[in-house]
Amino acid sequence: MYGLPVKDSYTIVDITHLRSRVVSIVNDLDHKVILGEEQKKLGKYLEDKGVEVFYIPYPQASMEALSEYIALKLWEIVRDWENVDGIKVCVSQGSFEWACFEKRSNPSEE
């Protein structure tokens, strides 16, 4: 379907098939304050000050929640692609601060 390599090669897809989708997700988040659903009071305050806010569907914004949010958005796109049986997204806040989320077709493999 997408010229995928042999399974277990750890190359998921040709990046050209995924790039525009990743860019779309990043553009939604870029240059915005990212908050969780329980942070709407803070978000309203910031919006009243002219700050752009993006809410992720988690109680609080964190690197863990953000990595899960992005991974699940990408999973919606790639889950039916040939030879794709999982996705892992890592979010970094600095050299030593990061969180990852992995989604697999077979949850017992996570």
PDB file of N, CA and C in Angstrom:
ATOM      1  N   MET A   1       0.821  -1.192   0.000  1.00  0.00           N
ATOM      2  CA  MET A   1       0.000   0.000   0.000  1.00  0.00           C
ATOM      3  C   MET A   1       0.865   1.257   0.000  1.00  0.00           C
ATOM      4  N   TYR A   2       1.877   1.322   0.862  1.00  0.00           N
ATOM      5  CA  TYR A   2       2.717   2.511   0.952  1.00  0.00           C
ATOM      6  C   TYR A   2       4.181   2.177   0.711  1.00  0.00           C
ATOM      7  N   GLY A   3       4.466   1.078   0.046  1.00  0.00           N
ATOM      8  CA  GLY A   3       5.840   0.712  -0.232  1.00  0.00           C
ATOM      9  C   GLY A   3       6.609   0.442   1.051  1.00  0.00           C
ATOM     10  N   LEU A   4       5.975  -0.259   1.973  1.00  0.00           N
ATOM     11  CA  LEU A   4       6.579  -0.500   3.271  1.00  0.00           C
ATOM     12  C   LEU A   4       7.639  -1.596   3.203  1.00  0.00           C
ATOM     13  N   PRO A   5       8.617  -1.504   4.076  1.00  0.00           N
ATOM     14  CA  PRO A   5       9.668  -2.532   4.115  1.00  0.00           C
ATOM     15  C   PRO A   5       9.166  -3.796   4.806  1.00  0.00           C
ATOM     16  N   VAL A   6      10.022  -4.779   4.874  1.00  0.00           N
ATOM     17  CA  VAL A   6       9.697  -6.026   5.543  1.00  0.00           C
ATOM     18  C   VAL A   6       9.404  -5.750   7.015  1.00  0.00           C
ATOM     19  N   LYS A   7       8.382  -6.437   7.528  1.00  0.00           N
ATOM     20  CA  LYS A   7       8.015  -6.286   8.943  1.00  0.00           C
ATOM     21  C   LYS A   7       9.241  -6.537   9.814  1.00  0.00           C
ATOM     22  N   ASP A   8       9.294  -5.896  10.952  1.00  0.00           N
ATOM     23  CA  ASP A   8      10.383  -5.992  11.929  1.00  0.00           C
ATOM     24  C   ASP A   8      11.629  -5.220  11.516  1.00  0.00           C
ATOM     25  N   SER A   9      11.560  -4.410  10.478  1.00  0.00           N
ATOM     26  CA  SER A   9      12.724  -3.611  10.096  1.00  0.00           C
ATOM     27  C   SER A   9      12.762  -2.308  10.880  1.00  0.00           C
ATOM     28  N   TYR A  10      11.694  -1.994  11.604  1.00  0.00           N
ATOM     29  CA  TYR A  10      11.550  -0.777  12.407  1.00  0.00           C
ATOM     30  C   TYR A  10      11.400   0.484  11.570  1.00  0.00           C
ATOM     31  N   THR A  11      11.307   0.352  10.277  1.00  0.00           N
ATOM     32  CA  THR A  11      10.950   1.487   9.436  1.00  0.00           C
ATOM     33  C   THR A  11       9.459   1.376   9.205  1.00  0.00           C
ATOM     34  N   ILE A  12       8.721   2.384   9.604  1.00  0.00           N
ATOM     35  CA  ILE A  12       7.272   2.270   9.554  1.00  0.00           C
ATOM     36  C   ILE A  12       6.748   2.571   8.162  1.00  0.00           C
ATOM     37  N   VAL A  13       6.963   3.776   7.689  1.00  0.00           N
ATOM     38  CA  VAL A  13       6.464   4.189   6.379  1.00  0.00           C
ATOM     39  C   VAL A  13       7.431   5.203   5.792  1.00  0.00           C
ATOM     40  N   ASP A  14       7.306   5.388   4.515  1.00  0.00           N
ATOM     41  CA  ASP A  14       8.021   6.475   3.864  1.00  0.00           C
ATOM     42  C   ASP A  14       7.477   7.770   4.464  1.00  0.00           C
ATOM     43  N   ILE A  15       8.319   8.599   4.983  1.00  0.00           N
ATOM     44  CA  ILE A  15       7.907   9.808   5.701  1.00  0.00           C
ATOM     45  C   ILE A  15       7.024  10.714   4.848  1.00  0.00           C
ATOM     46  N   THR A  16       7.136  10.643   3.540  1.00  0.00           N
ATOM     47  CA  THR A  16       6.301  11.495   2.695  1.00  0.00           C
ATOM     48  C   THR A  16       4.818  11.172   2.857  1.00  0.00           C
ATOM     49  N   HIS A  17       4.499   9.939   3.265  1.00  0.00           N
ATOM     50  CA  HIS A  17       3.098   9.554   3.471  1.00  0.00           C
ATOM     51  C   HIS A  17       2.571  10.018   4.822  1.00  0.00           C
ATOM     52  N   LEU A  18       3.436  10.403   5.703  1.00  0.00           N
ATOM     53  CA  LEU A  18       3.028  10.780   7.045  1.00  0.00           C
ATOM     54  C   LEU A  18       3.272  12.256   7.344  1.00  0.00           C
ATOM     55  N   ARG A  19       4.163  12.876   6.622  1.00  0.00           N
ATOM     56  CA  ARG A  19       4.604  14.245   6.901  1.00  0.00           C
ATOM     57  C   ARG A  19       3.449  15.242   7.033  1.00  0.00           C
ATOM     58  N   SER A  20       2.557  15.289   6.066  1.00  0.00           N
ATOM     59  CA  SER A  20       1.482  16.295   6.109  1.00  0.00           C
ATOM     60  C   SER A  20       0.571  16.083   7.310  1.00  0.00           C
ATOM     61  N   ARG A  21       0.395  14.846   7.698  1.00  0.00           N
ATOM     62  CA  ARG A  21      -0.449  14.558   8.863  1.00  0.00           C
ATOM     63  C   ARG A  21       0.225  15.003  10.155  1.00  0.00           C
ATOM     64  N   VAL A  22       1.529  14.767  10.250  1.00  0.00           N
ATOM     65  CA  VAL A  22       2.281  15.216  11.428  1.00  0.00           C
ATOM     66  C   VAL A  22       2.286  16.739  11.487  1.00  0.00           C
ATOM     67  N   VAL A  23       2.517  17.380  10.355  1.00  0.00           N
ATOM     68  CA  VAL A  23       2.530  18.845  10.298  1.00  0.00           C
ATOM     69  C   VAL A  23       1.189  19.405  10.762  1.00  0.00           C
ATOM     70  N   SER A  24       0.099  18.788  10.372  1.00  0.00           N
ATOM     71  CA  SER A  24      -1.228  19.244  10.779  1.00  0.00           C
ATOM     72  C   SER A  24      -1.401  19.183  12.296  1.00  0.00           C
ATOM     73  N   ILE A  25      -0.968  18.093  12.907  1.00  0.00           N
ATOM     74  CA  ILE A  25      -1.064  17.940  14.361  1.00  0.00           C
ATOM     75  C   ILE A  25      -0.177  18.974  15.051  1.00  0.00           C
ATOM     76  N   VAL A  26       1.045  19.128  14.576  1.00  0.00           N
ATOM     77  CA  VAL A  26       1.979  20.082  15.171  1.00  0.00           C
ATOM     78  C   VAL A  26       1.452  21.512  15.029  1.00  0.00           C
ATOM     79  N   ASN A  27       0.891  21.841  13.863  1.00  0.00           N
ATOM     80  CA  ASN A  27       0.358  23.189  13.664  1.00  0.00           C
ATOM     81  C   ASN A  27      -0.772  23.519  14.635  1.00  0.00           C
ATOM     82  N   ASP A  28      -1.567  22.521  14.997  1.00  0.00           N
ATOM     83  CA  ASP A  28      -2.629  22.742  15.988  1.00  0.00           C
ATOM     84  C   ASP A  28      -2.050  23.148  17.343  1.00  0.00           C
ATOM     85  N   LEU A  29      -0.858  22.644  17.652  1.00  0.00           N
ATOM     86  CA  LEU A  29      -0.245  22.846  18.967  1.00  0.00           C
ATOM     87  C   LEU A  29       0.776  23.983  19.004  1.00  0.00           C
ATOM     88  N   ASP A  30       1.386  24.251  17.874  1.00  0.00           N
ATOM     89  CA  ASP A  30       2.532  25.157  17.802  1.00  0.00           C
ATOM     90  C   ASP A  30       2.183  26.584  18.245  1.00  0.00           C
ATOM     91  N   HIS A  31       3.037  27.150  19.051  1.00  0.00           N
ATOM     92  CA  HIS A  31       2.922  28.529  19.537  1.00  0.00           C
ATOM     93  C   HIS A  31       1.643  28.773  20.336  1.00  0.00           C
ATOM     94  N   LYS A  32       1.193  27.742  21.019  1.00  0.00           N
ATOM     95  CA  LYS A  32       0.015  27.869  21.878  1.00  0.00           C
ATOM     96  C   LYS A  32       0.359  27.345  23.263  1.00  0.00           C
ATOM     97  N   VAL A  33      -0.360  27.825  24.246  1.00  0.00           N
ATOM     98  CA  VAL A  33      -0.256  27.250  25.580  1.00  0.00           C
ATOM     99  C   VAL A  33      -1.149  26.016  25.576  1.00  0.00           C
ATOM    100  N   ILE A  34      -0.588  24.883  25.939  1.00  0.00           N
ATOM    101  CA  ILE A  34      -1.336  23.625  25.931  1.00  0.00           C
ATOM    102  C   ILE A  34      -1.806  23.347  27.351  1.00  0.00           C
ATOM    103  N   LEU A  35      -3.112  23.176  27.489  1.00  0.00           N
ATOM    104  CA  LEU A  35      -3.717  22.944  28.792  1.00  0.00           C
ATOM    105  C   LEU A  35      -4.628  21.723  28.740  1.00  0.00           C
ATOM    106  N   GLY A  36      -4.898  21.175  29.920  1.00  0.00           N
ATOM    107  CA  GLY A  36      -5.843  20.075  30.048  1.00  0.00           C
ATOM    108  C   GLY A  36      -7.246  20.610  30.303  1.00  0.00           C
ATOM    109  N   GLU A  37      -8.212  19.713  30.230  1.00  0.00           N
ATOM    110  CA  GLU A  37      -9.610  20.107  30.383  1.00  0.00           C
ATOM    111  C   GLU A  37      -9.932  20.711  31.749  1.00  0.00           C
ATOM    112  N   GLU A  38      -9.201  20.317  32.780  1.00  0.00           N
ATOM    113  CA  GLU A  38      -9.443  20.861  34.118  1.00  0.00           C
ATOM    114  C   GLU A  38      -8.765  22.220  34.324  1.00  0.00           C
ATOM    115  N   GLN A  39      -8.133  22.728  33.293  1.00  0.00           N
ATOM    116  CA  GLN A  39      -7.419  23.995  33.382  1.00  0.00           C
ATOM    117  C   GLN A  39      -8.121  25.099  32.598  1.00  0.00           C
ATOM    118  N   LYS A  40      -9.427  24.947  32.414  1.00  0.00           N
ATOM    119  CA  LYS A  40     -10.182  25.922  31.599  1.00  0.00           C
ATOM    120  C   LYS A  40     -10.228  27.309  32.235  1.00  0.00           C
ATOM    121  N   LYS A  41     -10.211  27.388  33.560  1.00  0.00           N
ATOM    122  CA  LYS A  41     -10.210  28.707  34.207  1.00  0.00           C
ATOM    123  C   LYS A  41      -8.936  29.463  33.842  1.00  0.00           C
ATOM    124  N   LEU A  42      -7.807  28.777  33.932  1.00  0.00           N
ATOM    125  CA  LEU A  42      -6.533  29.381  33.528  1.00  0.00           C
ATOM    126  C   LEU A  42      -6.572  29.718  32.041  1.00  0.00           C
ATOM    127  N   GLY A  43      -7.105  28.815  31.227  1.00  0.00           N
ATOM    128  CA  GLY A  43      -7.186  29.042  29.797  1.00  0.00           C
ATOM    129  C   GLY A  43      -8.014  30.270  29.456  1.00  0.00           C
ATOM    130  N   LYS A  44      -9.126  30.439  30.139  1.00  0.00           N
ATOM    131  CA  LYS A  44      -9.979  31.609  29.908  1.00  0.00           C
ATOM    132  C   LYS A  44      -9.225  32.886  30.249  1.00  0.00           C
ATOM    133  N   TYR A  45      -8.504  32.876  31.367  1.00  0.00           N
ATOM    134  CA  TYR A  45      -7.703  34.029  31.768  1.00  0.00           C
ATOM    135  C   TYR A  45      -6.680  34.369  30.682  1.00  0.00           C
ATOM    136  N   LEU A  46      -5.967  33.349  30.200  1.00  0.00           N
ATOM    137  CA  LEU A  46      -4.948  33.564  29.175  1.00  0.00           C
ATOM    138  C   LEU A  46      -5.560  34.052  27.866  1.00  0.00           C
ATOM    139  N   GLU A  47      -6.665  33.462  27.477  1.00  0.00           N
ATOM    140  CA  GLU A  47      -7.336  33.876  26.246  1.00  0.00           C
ATOM    141  C   GLU A  47      -7.785  35.332  26.331  1.00  0.00           C
ATOM    142  N   ASP A  48      -8.260  35.741  27.509  1.00  0.00           N
ATOM    143  CA  ASP A  48      -8.656  37.138  27.703  1.00  0.00           C
ATOM    144  C   ASP A  48      -7.469  38.091  27.560  1.00  0.00           C
ATOM    145  N   LYS A  49      -6.268  37.572  27.772  1.00  0.00           N
ATOM    146  CA  LYS A  49      -5.037  38.360  27.619  1.00  0.00           C
ATOM    147  C   LYS A  49      -4.455  38.247  26.209  1.00  0.00           C
ATOM    148  N   GLY A  50      -5.165  37.556  25.316  1.00  0.00           N
ATOM    149  CA  GLY A  50      -4.716  37.434  23.934  1.00  0.00           C
ATOM    150  C   GLY A  50      -3.808  36.250  23.643  1.00  0.00           C
ATOM    151  N   VAL A  51      -3.693  35.346  24.583  1.00  0.00           N
ATOM    152  CA  VAL A  51      -2.831  34.173  24.411  1.00  0.00           C
ATOM    153  C   VAL A  51      -3.648  33.056  23.754  1.00  0.00           C
ATOM    154  N   GLU A  52      -3.037  32.399  22.756  1.00  0.00           N
ATOM    155  CA  GLU A  52      -3.704  31.261  22.120  1.00  0.00           C
ATOM    156  C   GLU A  52      -3.539  30.023  22.990  1.00  0.00           C
ATOM    157  N   VAL A  53      -4.643  29.325  23.218  1.00  0.00           N
ATOM    158  CA  VAL A  53      -4.658  28.147  24.074  1.00  0.00           C
ATOM    159  C   VAL A  53      -5.189  26.952  23.279  1.00  0.00           C
ATOM    160  N   PHE A  54      -4.595  25.792  23.510  1.00  0.00           N
ATOM    161  CA  PHE A  54      -5.073  24.545  22.917  1.00  0.00           C
ATOM    162  C   PHE A  54      -5.318  23.569  24.060  1.00  0.00           C
ATOM    163  N   TYR A  55      -6.514  22.994  24.102  1.00  0.00           N
ATOM    164  CA  TYR A  55      -6.865  22.042  25.161  1.00  0.00           C
ATOM    165  C   TYR A  55      -6.721  20.614  24.646  1.00  0.00           C
ATOM    166  N   ILE A  56      -6.015  19.793  25.411  1.00  0.00           N
ATOM    167  CA  ILE A  56      -5.949  18.371  25.099  1.00  0.00           C
ATOM    168  C   ILE A  56      -6.959  17.666  26.006  1.00  0.00           C
ATOM    169  N   PRO A  57      -7.527  16.548  25.561  1.00  0.00           N
ATOM    170  CA  PRO A  57      -8.600  15.883  26.312  1.00  0.00           C
ATOM    171  C   PRO A  57      -8.095  15.046  27.495  1.00  0.00           C
ATOM    172  N   TYR A  58      -7.359  15.691  28.358  1.00  0.00           N
ATOM    173  CA  TYR A  58      -6.828  15.064  29.576  1.00  0.00           C
ATOM    174  C   TYR A  58      -7.040  16.063  30.701  1.00  0.00           C
ATOM    175  N   PRO A  59      -7.116  15.611  31.938  1.00  0.00           N
ATOM    176  CA  PRO A  59      -7.359  16.556  33.039  1.00  0.00           C
ATOM    177  C   PRO A  59      -6.317  17.672  33.113  1.00  0.00           C
ATOM    178  N   GLN A  60      -5.050  17.313  33.002  1.00  0.00           N
ATOM    179  CA  GLN A  60      -3.959  18.281  33.092  1.00  0.00           C
ATOM    180  C   GLN A  60      -3.037  18.089  31.895  1.00  0.00           C
ATOM    181  N   ALA A  61      -2.393  19.144  31.479  1.00  0.00           N
ATOM    182  CA  ALA A  61      -1.389  19.033  30.422  1.00  0.00           C
ATOM    183  C   ALA A  61      -0.077  18.563  31.044  1.00  0.00           C
ATOM    184  N   SER A  62       0.527  17.589  30.416  1.00  0.00           N
ATOM    185  CA  SER A  62       1.830  17.088  30.848  1.00  0.00           C
ATOM    186  C   SER A  62       2.501  16.488  29.627  1.00  0.00           C
ATOM    187  N   MET A  63       3.784  16.202  29.721  1.00  0.00           N
ATOM    188  CA  MET A  63       4.477  15.563  28.608  1.00  0.00           C
ATOM    189  C   MET A  63       3.878  14.187  28.343  1.00  0.00           C
ATOM    190  N   GLU A  64       3.487  13.489  29.417  1.00  0.00           N
ATOM    191  CA  GLU A  64       2.884  12.170  29.266  1.00  0.00           C
ATOM    192  C   GLU A  64       1.558  12.259  28.509  1.00  0.00           C
ATOM    193  N   ALA A  65       0.728  13.221  28.919  1.00  0.00           N
ATOM    194  CA  ALA A  65      -0.569  13.398  28.249  1.00  0.00           C
ATOM    195  C   ALA A  65      -0.376  13.846  26.804  1.00  0.00           C
ATOM    196  N   LEU A  66       0.570  14.731  26.563  1.00  0.00           N
ATOM    197  CA  LEU A  66       0.810  15.229  25.214  1.00  0.00           C
ATOM    198  C   LEU A  66       1.337  14.120  24.299  1.00  0.00           C
ATOM    199  N   SER A  67       2.240  13.283  24.799  1.00  0.00           N
ATOM    200  CA  SER A  67       2.746  12.185  23.974  1.00  0.00           C
ATOM    201  C   SER A  67       1.620  11.201  23.649  1.00  0.00           C
ATOM    202  N   GLU A  68       0.734  10.949  24.612  1.00  0.00           N
ATOM    203  CA  GLU A  68      -0.411  10.060  24.356  1.00  0.00           C
ATOM    204  C   GLU A  68      -1.367  10.690  23.334  1.00  0.00           C
ATOM    205  N   TYR A  69      -1.659  11.964  23.496  1.00  0.00           N
ATOM    206  CA  TYR A  69      -2.552  12.676  22.576  1.00  0.00           C
ATOM    207  C   TYR A  69      -2.038  12.584  21.134  1.00  0.00           C
ATOM    208  N   ILE A  70      -0.761  12.891  20.940  1.00  0.00           N
ATOM    209  CA  ILE A  70      -0.178  12.877  19.596  1.00  0.00           C
ATOM    210  C   ILE A  70      -0.150  11.448  19.042  1.00  0.00           C
ATOM    211  N   ALA A  71       0.252  10.493  19.875  1.00  0.00           N
ATOM    212  CA  ALA A  71       0.315   9.098  19.423  1.00  0.00           C
ATOM    213  C   ALA A  71      -1.058   8.601  18.984  1.00  0.00           C
ATOM    214  N   LEU A  72      -2.091   8.911  19.742  1.00  0.00           N
ATOM    215  CA  LEU A  72      -3.430   8.439  19.386  1.00  0.00           C
ATOM    216  C   LEU A  72      -3.963   9.134  18.136  1.00  0.00           C
ATOM    217  N   LYS A  73      -3.614  10.404  17.941  1.00  0.00           N
ATOM    218  CA  LYS A  73      -3.988  11.097  16.700  1.00  0.00           C
ATOM    219  C   LYS A  73      -3.318  10.419  15.498  1.00  0.00           C
ATOM    220  N   LEU A  74      -2.030  10.114  15.620  1.00  0.00           N
ATOM    221  CA  LEU A  74      -1.321   9.445  14.535  1.00  0.00           C
ATOM    222  C   LEU A  74      -1.808   8.007  14.346  1.00  0.00           C
ATOM    223  N   TRP A  75      -2.151   7.352  15.445  1.00  0.00           N
ATOM    224  CA  TRP A  75      -2.648   5.977  15.371  1.00  0.00           C
ATOM    225  C   TRP A  75      -3.937   5.907  14.545  1.00  0.00           C
ATOM    226  N   GLU A  76      -4.794   6.909  14.674  1.00  0.00           N
ATOM    227  CA  GLU A  76      -6.018   6.955  13.869  1.00  0.00           C
ATOM    228  C   GLU A  76      -5.695   6.912  12.379  1.00  0.00           C
ATOM    229  N   ILE A  77      -4.569   7.467  12.000  1.00  0.00           N
ATOM    230  CA  ILE A  77      -4.159   7.545  10.596  1.00  0.00           C
ATOM    231  C   ILE A  77      -3.496   6.248  10.136  1.00  0.00           C
ATOM    232  N   VAL A  78      -2.607   5.685  10.941  1.00  0.00           N
ATOM    233  CA  VAL A  78      -1.757   4.584  10.468  1.00  0.00           C
ATOM    234  C   VAL A  78      -2.201   3.193  10.887  1.00  0.00           C
ATOM    235  N   ARG A  79      -3.178   3.061  11.742  1.00  0.00           N
ATOM    236  CA  ARG A  79      -3.509   1.735  12.287  1.00  0.00           C
ATOM    237  C   ARG A  79      -3.898   0.711  11.241  1.00  0.00           C
ATOM    238  N   ASP A  80      -4.424   1.129  10.103  1.00  0.00           N
ATOM    239  CA  ASP A  80      -4.815   0.185   9.064  1.00  0.00           C
ATOM    240  C   ASP A  80      -3.795   0.077   7.935  1.00  0.00           C
ATOM    241  N   TRP A  81      -2.670   0.763   8.054  1.00  0.00           N
ATOM    242  CA  TRP A  81      -1.646   0.686   7.023  1.00  0.00           C
ATOM    243  C   TRP A  81      -0.958  -0.679   7.096  1.00  0.00           C
ATOM    244  N   GLU A  82      -0.606  -1.184   5.946  1.00  0.00           N
ATOM    245  CA  GLU A  82       0.070  -2.466   5.847  1.00  0.00           C
ATOM    246  C   GLU A  82       1.367  -2.448   6.668  1.00  0.00           C
ATOM    247  N   ASN A  83       1.586  -3.504   7.417  1.00  0.00           N
ATOM    248  CA  ASN A  83       2.797  -3.698   8.228  1.00  0.00           C
ATOM    249  C   ASN A  83       2.932  -2.759   9.419  1.00  0.00           C
ATOM    250  N   VAL A  84       1.948  -1.942   9.695  1.00  0.00           N
ATOM    251  CA  VAL A  84       2.027  -1.075  10.872  1.00  0.00           C
ATOM    252  C   VAL A  84       1.237  -1.732  11.991  1.00  0.00           C
ATOM    253  N   ASP A  85       1.946  -2.088  13.056  1.00  0.00           N
ATOM    254  CA  ASP A  85       1.246  -2.711  14.172  1.00  0.00           C
ATOM    255  C   ASP A  85       1.430  -1.933  15.467  1.00  0.00           C
ATOM    256  N   GLY A  86       2.020  -0.745  15.362  1.00  0.00           N
ATOM    257  CA  GLY A  86       2.160   0.073  16.553  1.00  0.00           C
ATOM    258  C   GLY A  86       2.798   1.411  16.233  1.00  0.00           C
ATOM    259  N   ILE A  87       2.730   2.279  17.225  1.00  0.00           N
ATOM    260  CA  ILE A  87       3.335   3.602  17.087  1.00  0.00           C
ATOM    261  C   ILE A  87       3.841   4.024  18.464  1.00  0.00           C
ATOM    262  N   LYS A  88       4.927   4.752  18.464  1.00  0.00           N
ATOM    263  CA  LYS A  88       5.486   5.271  19.712  1.00  0.00           C
ATOM    264  C   LYS A  88       5.846   6.726  19.477  1.00  0.00           C
ATOM    265  N   VAL A  89       5.372   7.588  20.363  1.00  0.00           N
ATOM    266  CA  VAL A  89       5.652   9.016  20.272  1.00  0.00           C
ATOM    267  C   VAL A  89       6.304   9.456  21.570  1.00  0.00           C
ATOM    268  N   CYS A  90       7.403  10.199  21.444  1.00  0.00           N
ATOM    269  CA  CYS A  90       8.085  10.761  22.604  1.00  0.00           C
ATOM    270  C   CYS A  90       8.056  12.280  22.498  1.00  0.00           C
ATOM    271  N   VAL A  91       7.841  12.923  23.623  1.00  0.00           N
ATOM    272  CA  VAL A  91       7.810  14.381  23.704  1.00  0.00           C
ATOM    273  C   VAL A  91       8.915  14.803  24.659  1.00  0.00           C
ATOM    274  N   SER A  92       9.692  15.789  24.236  1.00  0.00           N
ATOM    275  CA  SER A  92      10.799  16.277  25.050  1.00  0.00           C
ATOM    276  C   SER A  92      10.564  17.727  25.440  1.00  0.00           C
ATOM    277  N   GLN A  93      10.912  18.023  26.672  1.00  0.00           N
ATOM    278  CA  GLN A  93      10.818  19.388  27.182  1.00  0.00           C
ATOM    279  C   GLN A  93      12.211  19.952  27.419  1.00  0.00           C
ATOM    280  N   GLY A  94      13.192  19.169  27.150  1.00  0.00           N
ATOM    281  CA  GLY A  94      14.579  19.566  27.339  1.00  0.00           C
ATOM    282  C   GLY A  94      15.450  18.337  27.198  1.00  0.00           C
ATOM    283  N   SER A  95      16.726  18.502  27.378  1.00  0.00           N
ATOM    284  CA  SER A  95      17.662  17.402  27.185  1.00  0.00           C
ATOM    285  C   SER A  95      17.384  16.191  28.056  1.00  0.00           C
ATOM    286  N   PHE A  96      16.913  16.413  29.267  1.00  0.00           N
ATOM    287  CA  PHE A  96      16.747  15.299  30.197  1.00  0.00           C
ATOM    288  C   PHE A  96      15.311  15.118  30.667  1.00  0.00           C
ATOM    289  N   GLU A  97      14.373  15.761  29.990  1.00  0.00           N
ATOM    290  CA  GLU A  97      12.971  15.651  30.364  1.00  0.00           C
ATOM    291  C   GLU A  97      12.172  15.180  29.163  1.00  0.00           C
ATOM    292  N   TRP A  98      11.605  13.970  29.266  1.00  0.00           N
ATOM    293  CA  TRP A  98      10.845  13.445  28.160  1.00  0.00           C
ATOM    294  C   TRP A  98       9.853  12.404  28.656  1.00  0.00           C
ATOM    295  N   ALA A  99       8.865  12.141  27.816  1.00  0.00           N
ATOM    296  CA  ALA A  99       7.876  11.104  28.101  1.00  0.00           C
ATOM    297  C   ALA A  99       7.473  10.475  26.778  1.00  0.00           C
ATOM    298  N   CYS A 100       7.179   9.187  26.816  1.00  0.00           N
ATOM    299  CA  CYS A 100       6.789   8.469  25.606  1.00  0.00           C
ATOM    300  C   CYS A 100       5.468   7.743  25.833  1.00  0.00           C
ATOM    301  N   PHE A 101       4.751   7.544  24.744  1.00  0.00           N
ATOM    302  CA  PHE A 101       3.529   6.742  24.767  1.00  0.00           C
ATOM    303  C   PHE A 101       3.571   5.821  23.563  1.00  0.00           C
ATOM    304  N   GLU A 102       3.245   4.554  23.798  1.00  0.00           N
ATOM    305  CA  GLU A 102       3.255   3.565  22.729  1.00  0.00           C
ATOM    306  C   GLU A 102       1.872   2.945  22.601  1.00  0.00           C
ATOM    307  N   LYS A 103       1.402   2.840  21.380  1.00  0.00           N
ATOM    308  CA  LYS A 103       0.114   2.212  21.071  1.00  0.00           C
ATOM    309  C   LYS A 103       0.378   1.087  20.093  1.00  0.00           C
ATOM    310  N   ARG A 104      -0.161  -0.095  20.399  1.00  0.00           N
ATOM    311  CA  ARG A 104       0.037  -1.256  19.528  1.00  0.00           C
ATOM    312  C   ARG A 104      -1.316  -1.857  19.166  1.00  0.00           C
ATOM    313  N   SER A 105      -1.336  -2.552  18.043  1.00  0.00           N
ATOM    314  CA  SER A 105      -2.565  -3.247  17.616  1.00  0.00           C
ATOM    315  C   SER A 105      -2.982  -4.279  18.634  1.00  0.00           C
ATOM    316  N   ASN A 106      -2.001  -4.977  19.175  1.00  0.00           N
ATOM    317  CA  ASN A 106      -2.252  -6.000  20.173  1.00  0.00           C
ATOM    318  C   ASN A 106      -1.779  -5.472  21.525  1.00  0.00           C
ATOM    319  N   PRO A 107      -2.713  -5.026  22.389  1.00  0.00           N
ATOM    320  CA  PRO A 107      -2.314  -4.422  23.665  1.00  0.00           C
ATOM    321  C   PRO A 107      -1.439  -5.307  24.534  1.00  0.00           C
ATOM    322  N   SER A 108      -1.513  -6.624  24.369  1.00  0.00           N
ATOM    323  CA  SER A 108      -0.676  -7.519  25.192  1.00  0.00           C
ATOM    324  C   SER A 108       0.798  -7.356  24.867  1.00  0.00           C
ATOM    325  N   GLU A 109       1.112  -6.734  23.725  1.00  0.00           N
ATOM    326  CA  GLU A 109       2.506  -6.518  23.328  1.00  0.00           C
ATOM    327  C   GLU A 109       3.057  -5.207  23.870  1.00  0.00           C
ATOM    328  N   GLU A 110       2.214  -4.373  24.490  1.00  0.00           N
ATOM    329  CA  GLU A 110       2.674  -3.060  24.982  1.00  0.00           C
ATOM    330  C   GLU A 110       3.512  -3.224  26.226  1.00  0.00           C
TER     331      GLU A 110
END
